[in-house]
Amino acid sequence: MLSGYNPDDKVFLAVDCIIFGFDNEDLKVLLIKRDFEPEKGKWSLIGGFLKGNETLDDAASRILFNLTGVHNVYMEQLYSFSEVDRDPVERTISTSYYAIINIENHNEELIENYNAKWFSLSKSPHLIFDHNEMLAKATRRLRRRTSISPIGFELLPEKFTMRQLQKLYEAILDKKLDKRNFINKINSMNILIKLNEKDMTSSTKGSYLYMFDQTMYDEKQANDFYLKL
């Protein structure tokens, strides 16, 4: 018999998702207002319990899709939270994930049905249980990943300007970046495709549009490519 095993012990396994989005100006997080006790009417991360036929990754993908209608996005397992009293009702261990989606791509009707809302990170409300800790850990992980590896492209439209890309990085990293240095470092990665198209909304000259080269990025990642911004 395994040490410590007790057939009478009952522990629930939950998955909580920290969903980040970008609205071309600000980094945001998607939160849900609970409609059941405990903590009814308060804001929380979106989550659910693990089903018997699921892996943790499967459960996180299901929860994300049910809320946003979005598939195939960047998602990463973050941390497991196992404090004995973290849930006042049942002994529950939660594994958190963070995901990155383009706000324009989500299903607004689904979000409304779940009483969910996008909040700027700087203005997010106090969350239930240990969800503030989850959000803080996810934010630190996202910033660390983004500072060395370009994972934020899921937050941009398919075609984007260099200015949009810089604003995204500044929003995630929460700091201003020198324009010339940023462009030089991004170009040195060789993971962008410059198009013969311009966005004419920003100036009369217009700004060239770019696309993300997934094949080149995957190749560099396979060779442990990193670039400190």
C-alpha atoms as a PDB file:
ATOM      1  CA  MET A   1       0.000   0.000   0.000  1.00  0.00           C
ATOM      2  CA  LEU A   2       1.218   3.504  -0.788  1.00  0.00           C
ATOM      3  CA  SER A   3       2.335   5.569   2.181  1.00  0.00           C
ATOM      4  CA  GLY A   4      -0.392   7.941   3.375  1.00  0.00           C
ATOM      5  CA  TYR A   5      -3.109   6.329   1.250  1.00  0.00           C
ATOM      6  CA  ASN A   6      -6.590   6.543   2.735  1.00  0.00           C
ATOM      7  CA  PRO A   7      -9.588   5.473   0.628  1.00  0.00           C
ATOM      8  CA  ASP A   8     -11.804   7.840   2.635  1.00  0.00           C
ATOM      9  CA  ASP A   9      -9.832  10.939   1.616  1.00  0.00           C
ATOM     10  CA  LYS A  10     -11.731  12.935  -0.978  1.00  0.00           C
ATOM     11  CA  VAL A  11      -9.894  15.567  -3.001  1.00  0.00           C
ATOM     12  CA  PHE A  12     -11.324  17.446  -5.986  1.00  0.00           C
ATOM     13  CA  LEU A  13      -9.125  18.422  -8.928  1.00  0.00           C
ATOM     14  CA  ALA A  14      -9.890  21.767 -10.543  1.00  0.00           C
ATOM     15  CA  VAL A  15      -8.433  23.807 -13.393  1.00  0.00           C
ATOM     16  CA  ASP A  16      -8.398  27.610 -13.370  1.00  0.00           C
ATOM     17  CA  CYS A  17      -7.586  29.657 -16.462  1.00  0.00           C
ATOM     18  CA  ILE A  18      -6.006  33.101 -16.555  1.00  0.00           C
ATOM     19  CA  ILE A  19      -7.010  34.465 -19.967  1.00  0.00           C
ATOM     20  CA  PHE A  20      -5.013  37.436 -21.254  1.00  0.00           C
ATOM     21  CA  GLY A  21      -6.112  39.637 -24.136  1.00  0.00           C
ATOM     22  CA  PHE A  22      -4.911  42.819 -25.863  1.00  0.00           C
ATOM     23  CA  ASP A  23      -7.090  45.617 -27.263  1.00  0.00           C
ATOM     24  CA  ASN A  24      -4.310  47.425 -29.191  1.00  0.00           C
ATOM     25  CA  GLU A  25      -3.665  49.638 -26.173  1.00  0.00           C
ATOM     26  CA  ASP A  26      -3.788  47.660 -22.951  1.00  0.00           C
ATOM     27  CA  LEU A  27      -3.168  44.147 -21.624  1.00  0.00           C
ATOM     28  CA  LYS A  28      -6.357  42.744 -20.122  1.00  0.00           C
ATOM     29  CA  VAL A  29      -7.564  39.720 -18.186  1.00  0.00           C
ATOM     30  CA  LEU A  30     -10.941  38.022 -18.564  1.00  0.00           C
ATOM     31  CA  LEU A  31     -12.830  37.582 -15.287  1.00  0.00           C
ATOM     32  CA  ILE A  32     -16.191  36.075 -14.424  1.00  0.00           C
ATOM     33  CA  LYS A  33     -18.747  37.181 -11.823  1.00  0.00           C
ATOM     34  CA  ARG A  34     -19.786  34.154  -9.776  1.00  0.00           C
ATOM     35  CA  ASP A  35     -23.494  33.333  -9.667  1.00  0.00           C
ATOM     36  CA  PHE A  36     -23.285  30.761  -6.869  1.00  0.00           C
ATOM     37  CA  GLU A  37     -22.010  30.475  -3.321  1.00  0.00           C
ATOM     38  CA  PRO A  38     -19.516  30.766  -1.811  1.00  0.00           C
ATOM     39  CA  GLU A  39     -18.470  34.294  -2.811  1.00  0.00           C
ATOM     40  CA  LYS A  40     -21.543  34.795  -4.998  1.00  0.00           C
ATOM     41  CA  GLY A  41     -21.437  38.083  -6.912  1.00  0.00           C
ATOM     42  CA  LYS A  42     -17.659  38.435  -6.647  1.00  0.00           C
ATOM     43  CA  TRP A  43     -15.087  38.284  -9.448  1.00  0.00           C
ATOM     44  CA  SER A  44     -12.998  35.205 -10.139  1.00  0.00           C
ATOM     45  CA  LEU A  45     -10.977  33.427 -12.765  1.00  0.00           C
ATOM     46  CA  ILE A  46     -12.847  30.993 -14.993  1.00  0.00           C
ATOM     47  CA  GLY A  47     -12.442  27.395 -13.944  1.00  0.00           C
ATOM     48  CA  GLY A  48     -13.968  23.972 -13.662  1.00  0.00           C
ATOM     49  CA  PHE A  49     -13.396  20.456 -12.400  1.00  0.00           C
ATOM     50  CA  LEU A  50     -11.384  17.770 -14.135  1.00  0.00           C
ATOM     51  CA  LYS A  51     -13.532  15.077 -15.778  1.00  0.00           C
ATOM     52  CA  GLY A  52     -12.700  11.395 -15.540  1.00  0.00           C
ATOM     53  CA  ASN A  53     -11.775  11.102 -19.217  1.00  0.00           C
ATOM     54  CA  GLU A  54      -9.641  14.269 -19.413  1.00  0.00           C
ATOM     55  CA  THR A  55      -6.037  15.282 -18.965  1.00  0.00           C
ATOM     56  CA  LEU A  56      -5.367  18.636 -17.320  1.00  0.00           C
ATOM     57  CA  ASP A  57      -4.563  20.119 -20.747  1.00  0.00           C
ATOM     58  CA  ASP A  58      -7.877  18.801 -22.104  1.00  0.00           C
ATOM     59  CA  ALA A  59      -9.788  20.386 -19.242  1.00  0.00           C
ATOM     60  CA  ALA A  60      -8.069  23.758 -19.688  1.00  0.00           C
ATOM     61  CA  SER A  61      -8.830  23.744 -23.422  1.00  0.00           C
ATOM     62  CA  ARG A  62     -12.470  22.852 -22.751  1.00  0.00           C
ATOM     63  CA  ILE A  63     -12.893  25.612 -20.192  1.00  0.00           C
ATOM     64  CA  LEU A  64     -11.301  28.180 -22.502  1.00  0.00           C
ATOM     65  CA  PHE A  65     -13.433  27.142 -25.485  1.00  0.00           C
ATOM     66  CA  ASN A  66     -16.680  27.088 -23.488  1.00  0.00           C
ATOM     67  CA  LEU A  67     -16.098  30.667 -22.368  1.00  0.00           C
ATOM     68  CA  THR A  68     -14.605  32.266 -25.487  1.00  0.00           C
ATOM     69  CA  GLY A  69     -15.325  29.968 -28.438  1.00  0.00           C
ATOM     70  CA  VAL A  70     -11.594  30.062 -29.263  1.00  0.00           C
ATOM     71  CA  HIS A  71      -9.440  27.027 -30.101  1.00  0.00           C
ATOM     72  CA  ASN A  72      -5.723  26.536 -30.778  1.00  0.00           C
ATOM     73  CA  VAL A  73      -4.286  29.419 -28.772  1.00  0.00           C
ATOM     74  CA  TYR A  74      -1.104  29.730 -26.743  1.00  0.00           C
ATOM     75  CA  MET A  75      -1.702  28.071 -23.386  1.00  0.00           C
ATOM     76  CA  GLU A  76       0.768  27.069 -20.706  1.00  0.00           C
ATOM     77  CA  GLN A  77       0.412  25.207 -17.431  1.00  0.00           C
ATOM     78  CA  LEU A  78       1.425  27.529 -14.622  1.00  0.00           C
ATOM     79  CA  TYR A  79       1.279  26.135 -11.084  1.00  0.00           C
ATOM     80  CA  SER A  80      -0.693  23.856  -8.762  1.00  0.00           C
ATOM     81  CA  PHE A  81      -2.328  25.361  -5.679  1.00  0.00           C
ATOM     82  CA  SER A  82      -2.904  22.899  -2.847  1.00  0.00           C
ATOM     83  CA  GLU A  83      -3.375  24.839   0.380  1.00  0.00           C
ATOM     84  CA  VAL A  84      -5.721  22.768   2.535  1.00  0.00           C
ATOM     85  CA  ASP A  85      -8.155  25.614   3.175  1.00  0.00           C
ATOM     86  CA  ARG A  86      -7.981  27.347  -0.203  1.00  0.00           C
ATOM     87  CA  ASP A  87     -11.622  26.380  -0.914  1.00  0.00           C
ATOM     88  CA  PRO A  88     -13.995  26.797   2.048  1.00  0.00           C
ATOM     89  CA  VAL A  89     -16.428  24.111   0.818  1.00  0.00           C
ATOM     90  CA  GLU A  90     -14.390  21.105  -0.366  1.00  0.00           C
ATOM     91  CA  ARG A  91     -10.744  20.059  -0.308  1.00  0.00           C
ATOM     92  CA  THR A  92      -9.734  21.166  -3.795  1.00  0.00           C
ATOM     93  CA  ILE A  93      -6.410  21.246  -5.592  1.00  0.00           C
ATOM     94  CA  SER A  94      -6.321  23.582  -8.571  1.00  0.00           C
ATOM     95  CA  THR A  95      -3.873  23.584 -11.465  1.00  0.00           C
ATOM     96  CA  SER A  96      -3.727  26.963 -13.160  1.00  0.00           C
ATOM     97  CA  TYR A  97      -3.105  27.719 -16.822  1.00  0.00           C
ATOM     98  CA  TYR A  98      -2.632  30.989 -18.600  1.00  0.00           C
ATOM     99  CA  ALA A  99      -3.779  31.574 -22.152  1.00  0.00           C
ATOM    100  CA  ILE A 100      -3.275  34.360 -24.691  1.00  0.00           C
ATOM    101  CA  ILE A 101      -6.056  35.282 -27.111  1.00  0.00           C
ATOM    102  CA  ASN A 102      -6.854  38.117 -29.480  1.00  0.00           C
ATOM    103  CA  ILE A 103      -9.801  39.971 -27.965  1.00  0.00           C
ATOM    104  CA  GLU A 104     -11.266  40.525 -31.438  1.00  0.00           C
ATOM    105  CA  ASN A 105     -11.515  36.765 -32.010  1.00  0.00           C
ATOM    106  CA  HIS A 106     -13.530  35.786 -28.954  1.00  0.00           C
ATOM    107  CA  ASN A 107     -17.260  35.114 -28.943  1.00  0.00           C
ATOM    108  CA  GLU A 108     -18.916  38.096 -27.224  1.00  0.00           C
ATOM    109  CA  GLU A 109     -22.216  36.259 -26.743  1.00  0.00           C
ATOM    110  CA  LEU A 110     -20.535  33.411 -24.868  1.00  0.00           C
ATOM    111  CA  ILE A 111     -18.728  35.854 -22.585  1.00  0.00           C
ATOM    112  CA  GLU A 112     -21.974  37.708 -21.835  1.00  0.00           C
ATOM    113  CA  ASN A 113     -23.706  34.418 -20.997  1.00  0.00           C
ATOM    114  CA  TYR A 114     -21.017  33.734 -18.385  1.00  0.00           C
ATOM    115  CA  ASN A 115     -21.260  37.245 -16.849  1.00  0.00           C
ATOM    116  CA  ALA A 116     -17.624  37.736 -17.835  1.00  0.00           C
ATOM    117  CA  LYS A 117     -15.774  40.982 -18.482  1.00  0.00           C
ATOM    118  CA  TRP A 118     -12.357  42.159 -19.654  1.00  0.00           C
ATOM    119  CA  PHE A 119     -10.377  44.183 -17.096  1.00  0.00           C
ATOM    120  CA  SER A 120      -7.120  46.086 -17.522  1.00  0.00           C
ATOM    121  CA  LEU A 121      -4.495  44.422 -15.343  1.00  0.00           C
ATOM    122  CA  SER A 122      -3.932  47.676 -13.502  1.00  0.00           C
ATOM    123  CA  LYS A 123      -7.651  47.949 -12.683  1.00  0.00           C
ATOM    124  CA  SER A 124      -8.634  44.346 -12.023  1.00  0.00           C
ATOM    125  CA  PRO A 125     -10.841  43.848  -8.935  1.00  0.00           C
ATOM    126  CA  HIS A 126     -10.029  41.752  -5.903  1.00  0.00           C
ATOM    127  CA  LEU A 127     -10.632  38.080  -6.694  1.00  0.00           C
ATOM    128  CA  ILE A 128     -11.954  35.168  -4.652  1.00  0.00           C
ATOM    129  CA  PHE A 129      -9.898  32.551  -2.812  1.00  0.00           C
ATOM    130  CA  ASP A 130      -6.282  32.497  -4.047  1.00  0.00           C
ATOM    131  CA  HIS A 131      -7.087  33.770  -7.540  1.00  0.00           C
ATOM    132  CA  ASN A 132      -5.149  37.010  -6.976  1.00  0.00           C
ATOM    133  CA  GLU A 133      -2.042  34.910  -6.405  1.00  0.00           C
ATOM    134  CA  MET A 134      -2.764  32.921  -9.560  1.00  0.00           C
ATOM    135  CA  LEU A 135      -3.130  36.113 -11.599  1.00  0.00           C
ATOM    136  CA  ALA A 136       0.076  37.579 -10.163  1.00  0.00           C
ATOM    137  CA  LYS A 137       2.054  34.415 -10.955  1.00  0.00           C
ATOM    138  CA  ALA A 138       0.628  34.276 -14.491  1.00  0.00           C
ATOM    139  CA  THR A 139       1.496  37.921 -15.120  1.00  0.00           C
ATOM    140  CA  ARG A 140       5.078  37.396 -13.969  1.00  0.00           C
ATOM    141  CA  ARG A 141       5.401  34.267 -16.121  1.00  0.00           C
ATOM    142  CA  LEU A 142       3.970  36.031 -19.187  1.00  0.00           C
ATOM    143  CA  ARG A 143       6.359  38.961 -18.772  1.00  0.00           C
ATOM    144  CA  ARG A 144       9.337  36.672 -18.289  1.00  0.00           C
ATOM    145  CA  ARG A 145       8.437  34.584 -21.340  1.00  0.00           C
ATOM    146  CA  THR A 146       7.795  37.637 -23.491  1.00  0.00           C
ATOM    147  CA  SER A 147      11.099  39.271 -22.517  1.00  0.00           C
ATOM    148  CA  ILE A 148      13.088  36.371 -23.987  1.00  0.00           C
ATOM    149  CA  SER A 149      10.759  34.716 -26.501  1.00  0.00           C
ATOM    150  CA  PRO A 150       8.072  36.161 -28.824  1.00  0.00           C
ATOM    151  CA  ILE A 151       4.944  34.425 -27.537  1.00  0.00           C
ATOM    152  CA  GLY A 152       2.588  37.411 -27.683  1.00  0.00           C
ATOM    153  CA  PHE A 153       1.749  37.322 -31.375  1.00  0.00           C
ATOM    154  CA  GLU A 154      -1.566  35.602 -30.634  1.00  0.00           C
ATOM    155  CA  LEU A 155      -2.722  38.948 -29.249  1.00  0.00           C
ATOM    156  CA  LEU A 156      -2.296  40.752 -32.574  1.00  0.00           C
ATOM    157  CA  PRO A 157      -4.312  40.646 -35.796  1.00  0.00           C
ATOM    158  CA  GLU A 158      -2.879  38.483 -38.587  1.00  0.00           C
ATOM    159  CA  LYS A 159      -1.345  41.589 -40.178  1.00  0.00           C
ATOM    160  CA  PHE A 160       0.104  44.234 -37.894  1.00  0.00           C
ATOM    161  CA  THR A 161       2.429  47.238 -37.858  1.00  0.00           C
ATOM    162  CA  MET A 162       5.703  47.495 -36.000  1.00  0.00           C
ATOM    163  CA  ARG A 163       4.083  50.165 -33.825  1.00  0.00           C
ATOM    164  CA  GLN A 164       1.303  47.742 -32.837  1.00  0.00           C
ATOM    165  CA  LEU A 165       3.896  45.119 -31.976  1.00  0.00           C
ATOM    166  CA  GLN A 166       5.869  47.560 -29.827  1.00  0.00           C
ATOM    167  CA  LYS A 167       2.724  48.680 -27.993  1.00  0.00           C
ATOM    168  CA  LEU A 168       1.926  45.036 -27.279  1.00  0.00           C
ATOM    169  CA  TYR A 169       5.360  44.398 -25.799  1.00  0.00           C
ATOM    170  CA  GLU A 170       5.164  47.588 -23.739  1.00  0.00           C
ATOM    171  CA  ALA A 171       1.737  46.571 -22.409  1.00  0.00           C
ATOM    172  CA  ILE A 172       2.927  43.094 -21.413  1.00  0.00           C
ATOM    173  CA  LEU A 173       6.259  44.184 -19.950  1.00  0.00           C
ATOM    174  CA  ASP A 174       4.729  47.303 -18.349  1.00  0.00           C
ATOM    175  CA  LYS A 175       7.546  49.566 -19.496  1.00  0.00           C
ATOM    176  CA  LYS A 176       8.471  51.887 -22.357  1.00  0.00           C
ATOM    177  CA  LEU A 177      10.826  50.528 -25.020  1.00  0.00           C
ATOM    178  CA  ASP A 178      13.185  52.523 -27.204  1.00  0.00           C
ATOM    179  CA  LYS A 179      11.740  52.420 -30.731  1.00  0.00           C
ATOM    180  CA  ARG A 180      15.018  52.006 -32.609  1.00  0.00           C
ATOM    181  CA  ASN A 181      16.411  49.336 -30.285  1.00  0.00           C
ATOM    182  CA  PHE A 182      13.106  47.450 -30.318  1.00  0.00           C
ATOM    183  CA  ILE A 183      12.908  47.382 -34.125  1.00  0.00           C
ATOM    184  CA  ASN A 184      16.536  46.273 -34.437  1.00  0.00           C
ATOM    185  CA  LYS A 185      16.086  43.425 -31.964  1.00  0.00           C
ATOM    186  CA  ILE A 186      12.832  42.246 -33.515  1.00  0.00           C
ATOM    187  CA  ASN A 187      14.326  42.334 -37.024  1.00  0.00           C
ATOM    188  CA  SER A 188      17.371  40.392 -35.829  1.00  0.00           C
ATOM    189  CA  MET A 189      15.051  37.539 -34.815  1.00  0.00           C
ATOM    190  CA  ASN A 190      14.129  37.026 -38.477  1.00  0.00           C
ATOM    191  CA  ILE A 191      10.643  35.811 -37.562  1.00  0.00           C
ATOM    192  CA  LEU A 192       8.587  38.489 -39.333  1.00  0.00           C
ATOM    193  CA  ILE A 193       7.440  38.670 -42.928  1.00  0.00           C
ATOM    194  CA  LYS A 194       7.320  42.240 -44.243  1.00  0.00           C
ATOM    195  CA  LEU A 195       4.395  42.706 -46.627  1.00  0.00           C
ATOM    196  CA  ASN A 196       4.002  45.001 -49.607  1.00  0.00           C
ATOM    197  CA  GLU A 197       1.005  46.514 -47.858  1.00  0.00           C
ATOM    198  CA  LYS A 198       0.628  49.536 -45.646  1.00  0.00           C
ATOM    199  CA  ASP A 199      -1.707  50.585 -42.882  1.00  0.00           C
ATOM    200  CA  MET A 200      -2.772  54.094 -43.947  1.00  0.00           C
ATOM    201  CA  THR A 201      -4.693  54.935 -40.772  1.00  0.00           C
ATOM    202  CA  SER A 202      -1.701  56.050 -38.714  1.00  0.00           C
ATOM    203  CA  SER A 203      -0.155  58.603 -41.110  1.00  0.00           C
ATOM    204  CA  THR A 204      -0.280  59.870 -44.691  1.00  0.00           C
ATOM    205  CA  LYS A 205       2.887  57.869 -45.496  1.00  0.00           C
ATOM    206  CA  GLY A 206       1.429  54.765 -43.912  1.00  0.00           C
ATOM    207  CA  SER A 207       3.173  51.981 -41.996  1.00  0.00           C
ATOM    208  CA  TYR A 208       4.267  48.678 -43.474  1.00  0.00           C
ATOM    209  CA  LEU A 209       2.352  45.617 -42.343  1.00  0.00           C
ATOM    210  CA  TYR A 210       3.992  42.428 -41.090  1.00  0.00           C
ATOM    211  CA  MET A 211       3.013  38.833 -40.488  1.00  0.00           C
ATOM    212  CA  PHE A 212       4.459  36.341 -38.036  1.00  0.00           C
ATOM    213  CA  ASP A 213       6.569  33.589 -39.650  1.00  0.00           C
ATOM    214  CA  GLN A 214       5.511  30.547 -37.598  1.00  0.00           C
ATOM    215  CA  THR A 215       7.812  28.151 -39.467  1.00  0.00           C
ATOM    216  CA  MET A 216      10.899  30.240 -38.788  1.00  0.00           C
ATOM    217  CA  TYR A 217       9.879  30.771 -35.171  1.00  0.00           C
ATOM    218  CA  ASP A 218       9.365  27.037 -34.585  1.00  0.00           C
ATOM    219  CA  GLU A 219      12.785  26.333 -36.085  1.00  0.00           C
ATOM    220  CA  LYS A 220      14.472  28.840 -33.787  1.00  0.00           C
ATOM    221  CA  GLN A 221      12.632  27.529 -30.733  1.00  0.00           C
ATOM    222  CA  ALA A 222      13.802  24.009 -31.537  1.00  0.00           C
ATOM    223  CA  ASN A 223      17.366  25.345 -31.323  1.00  0.00           C
ATOM    224  CA  ASP A 224      16.763  27.080 -27.978  1.00  0.00           C
ATOM    225  CA  PHE A 225      16.732  30.555 -29.483  1.00  0.00           C
ATOM    226  CA  TYR A 226      16.276  33.387 -26.974  1.00  0.00           C
ATOM    227  CA  LEU A 227      16.603  37.140 -27.236  1.00  0.00           C
ATOM    228  CA  LYS A 228      16.519  39.398 -24.205  1.00  0.00           C
ATOM    229  CA  LEU A 229      14.426  42.531 -24.774  1.00  0.00           C
END
